[in-house]
Structure formats: structure tokens, C-alpha cells
């Protein structure tokens, strides 16, 4: 029934900043860009919202896509915790498989990306968690 996971979507207050993060630091390529004005009933129905207006960018790396949304409308709620703990219900993190976790960690840390710790060796994998510019957690993993 389900063939594969196609993409994960993230809503952001700063589309340009998140696009740069995924493109410049993680190597994703932009494959499409879509925007719509308020009054698109089909989109509103799918999202269970009213009066949506947004711009989206679909980014791809290999077989995985990340869709970034910046909503113009409806108004945003008050911001939640800047760094939602990973044990809270919901999506905890995105995991990116890398060839050399130490090299990727060093490159990203030098670019100002915050990590919870340096990569840790777990025997079958070496991994660490970091935060994207909006505070979403991502994992870098190298299978050993």
C-alpha cells in the first residue's frame, strides 16, 4: 500500500534561512518552489485551515525530500519552546546518514550549528544530534 516516505515538511518563519541550511550545509537541492494566495479552498481543506497563504520549497537529497513552508496566513500562534525536548510527543528528529560523521560535524559546527554533543560511538553507529536554525532536531549518523 505505502511505497516509501517521500518527504518531511517543516514550517518556518524564515524560508531563506532554512533553505540555505538544507542546501549549503546538508547538500540538498531545490527541486520546486510553490506559493499561493489566500482563498485556495482545496489547500485549506487538506490543511484543515482557513485562509492559508504560503510559499514552499521542496528540497531533495537522494531519495529523501524536505518541504519547507513559510506561512503568510493564517496568523501564527505565540512561539512555543525554542528548543522542544526530544522526549515530547510528536516528531523527535530527522536523521541524515553520512559517510564521515566527524567531518560533517566539524563543518557544521564551524558554520555555527549547535549540537547536543560531539559524535558518540555506539558500536554499530556513530551519531550526534544538532539543531537547525529553527531549533528542530536532526541526527547525523555514520553506520560502522
Protein backbone atom coordinates (compact mmCIF):
# COMPACT_ATOMS: atom_id res chain seq x y z
CA UNK A 1 0.00 0.00 0.00
CA UNK A 2 2.65 2.57 1.00
CA UNK A 3 5.65 2.58 -1.33
CA UNK A 4 8.04 4.87 0.54
CA UNK A 5 8.38 8.02 2.61
CA UNK A 6 8.59 10.88 0.11
CA UNK A 7 9.16 13.94 2.31
CA UNK A 8 9.04 15.55 5.70
CA UNK A 9 7.60 19.06 5.93
CA UNK A 10 8.73 21.83 8.27
CA UNK A 11 7.06 25.18 8.86
CA UNK A 12 9.48 28.05 9.38
CA UNK A 13 9.30 31.80 9.98
CA UNK A 14 12.35 32.32 7.69
CA UNK A 15 12.26 30.30 4.46
CA UNK A 16 15.50 31.76 3.09
CA UNK A 17 17.45 30.84 6.22
CA UNK A 18 16.12 27.25 6.29
CA UNK A 19 16.66 26.81 2.54
CA UNK A 20 20.28 27.88 2.98
CA UNK A 21 20.75 25.45 5.88
CA UNK A 22 19.44 22.44 3.93
CA UNK A 23 21.19 23.44 0.68
CA UNK A 24 24.53 24.81 1.85
CA UNK A 25 25.25 22.67 4.90
CA UNK A 26 23.43 19.41 4.15
CA UNK A 27 23.71 19.34 0.35
CA UNK A 28 20.02 19.26 -0.58
CA UNK A 29 19.00 20.71 -3.95
CA UNK A 30 15.89 22.79 -4.53
CA UNK A 31 13.55 20.91 -6.88
CA UNK A 32 10.45 23.09 -6.75
CA UNK A 33 9.02 26.29 -5.34
CA UNK A 34 5.30 26.98 -4.97
CA UNK A 35 3.34 29.83 -3.43
CA UNK A 36 -0.35 30.56 -3.16
CA UNK A 37 -2.54 33.46 -2.08
CA UNK A 38 -5.36 33.17 0.43
CA UNK A 39 -8.60 31.75 -0.92
CA UNK A 40 -7.38 28.37 -2.18
CA UNK A 41 -10.20 26.16 -0.88
CA UNK A 42 -8.58 22.83 -1.81
CA UNK A 43 -5.35 23.65 0.01
CA UNK A 44 -7.27 24.96 3.03
CA UNK A 45 -9.33 21.74 3.09
CA UNK A 46 -6.26 19.49 3.04
CA UNK A 47 -4.61 21.50 5.83
CA UNK A 48 -7.81 21.91 7.87
CA UNK A 49 -7.10 25.65 8.00
CA UNK A 50 -8.86 28.73 6.63
CA UNK A 51 -7.33 31.46 4.53
CA UNK A 52 -3.88 29.97 4.11
CA UNK A 53 -1.24 31.79 2.08
CA UNK A 54 2.29 30.43 1.92
CA UNK A 55 5.45 29.79 -0.02
CA UNK A 56 7.03 26.33 -0.09
CA UNK A 57 10.34 24.98 -1.28
CA UNK A 58 10.87 21.27 -1.91
CA UNK A 59 14.46 20.16 -1.32
CA UNK A 60 15.86 16.74 -2.32
CA UNK A 61 18.88 14.70 -1.37
CA UNK A 62 18.91 11.23 -2.91
CA UNK A 63 15.50 9.65 -2.34
CA UNK A 64 14.52 11.94 0.55
CA UNK A 65 12.80 15.29 0.30
CA UNK A 66 12.24 18.03 2.86
CA UNK A 67 9.45 20.51 2.17
CA UNK A 68 9.83 23.91 3.81
CA UNK A 69 6.77 26.11 4.40
CA UNK A 70 6.65 29.79 5.28
CA UNK A 71 3.05 30.79 6.01
CA UNK A 72 1.88 34.33 5.42
CA UNK A 73 -1.59 33.41 6.75
CA UNK A 74 -3.29 32.47 8.97
CA UNK A 75 -1.58 34.36 11.81
CA UNK A 76 0.97 32.33 13.73
CA UNK A 77 0.36 31.31 17.34
CA UNK A 78 2.70 32.51 20.04
CA UNK A 79 6.04 30.73 19.73
CA UNK A 80 6.47 27.55 21.75
CA UNK A 81 9.62 26.43 23.48
CA UNK A 82 12.62 27.47 21.42
CA UNK A 83 14.08 24.01 21.75
CA UNK A 84 11.37 21.41 22.22
CA UNK A 85 12.89 18.48 24.14
CA UNK A 86 13.19 15.29 22.10
CA UNK A 87 11.13 13.28 24.61
CA UNK A 88 7.96 15.34 23.90
CA UNK A 89 5.29 13.65 21.80
CA UNK A 90 5.48 14.20 18.06
CA UNK A 91 8.33 14.01 15.59
CA UNK A 92 11.57 13.95 17.56
CA UNK A 93 14.17 14.35 14.81
CA UNK A 94 15.24 13.84 11.20
CA UNK A 95 18.20 11.50 10.70
CA UNK A 96 20.80 12.01 7.97
CA UNK A 97 23.14 9.13 7.13
CA UNK A 98 26.67 10.39 6.41
CA UNK A 99 29.97 8.79 5.38
CA UNK A 100 32.14 10.64 7.91
CA UNK A 101 30.17 11.95 10.88
CA UNK A 102 33.18 13.66 12.43
CA UNK A 103 33.93 15.66 9.26
CA UNK A 104 30.28 16.69 8.79
CA UNK A 105 30.01 17.61 12.47
CA UNK A 106 33.16 19.77 12.26
CA UNK A 107 31.96 21.54 9.09
CA UNK A 108 28.54 22.28 10.55
CA UNK A 109 29.86 23.31 13.98
CA UNK A 110 32.29 25.70 12.26
CA UNK A 111 29.28 27.21 10.46
CA UNK A 112 27.63 27.91 13.84
CA UNK A 113 25.24 24.96 14.04
CA UNK A 114 24.55 23.91 17.63
CA UNK A 115 24.98 20.26 18.62
CA UNK A 116 23.97 18.47 21.82
CA UNK A 117 27.38 16.74 21.89
CA UNK A 118 30.22 15.70 19.62
CA UNK A 119 29.57 12.42 17.74
CA UNK A 120 29.37 9.42 20.07
CA UNK A 121 30.43 5.85 19.19
CA UNK A 122 27.66 3.30 19.84
CA UNK A 123 29.46 0.29 18.37
CA UNK A 124 27.33 -0.16 15.25
CA UNK A 125 26.92 3.58 14.60
CA UNK A 126 28.49 6.89 15.48
CA UNK A 127 25.96 9.71 15.91
CA UNK A 128 25.06 13.11 17.31
CA UNK A 129 22.03 15.38 17.48
CA UNK A 130 22.06 19.01 16.34
CA UNK A 131 19.55 21.84 15.96
CA UNK A 132 18.60 23.50 12.69
CA UNK A 133 18.15 27.30 12.62
CA UNK A 134 14.56 26.94 13.94
CA UNK A 135 15.56 24.57 16.76
CA UNK A 136 14.33 21.35 15.09
CA UNK A 137 16.47 18.36 16.00
CA UNK A 138 18.39 16.45 13.34
CA UNK A 139 20.69 13.48 13.74
CA UNK A 140 23.91 12.82 11.88
CA UNK A 141 24.70 9.10 11.82
CA UNK A 142 27.51 7.07 10.37
CA UNK A 143 26.86 3.33 10.28
CA UNK A 144 30.02 1.45 11.26
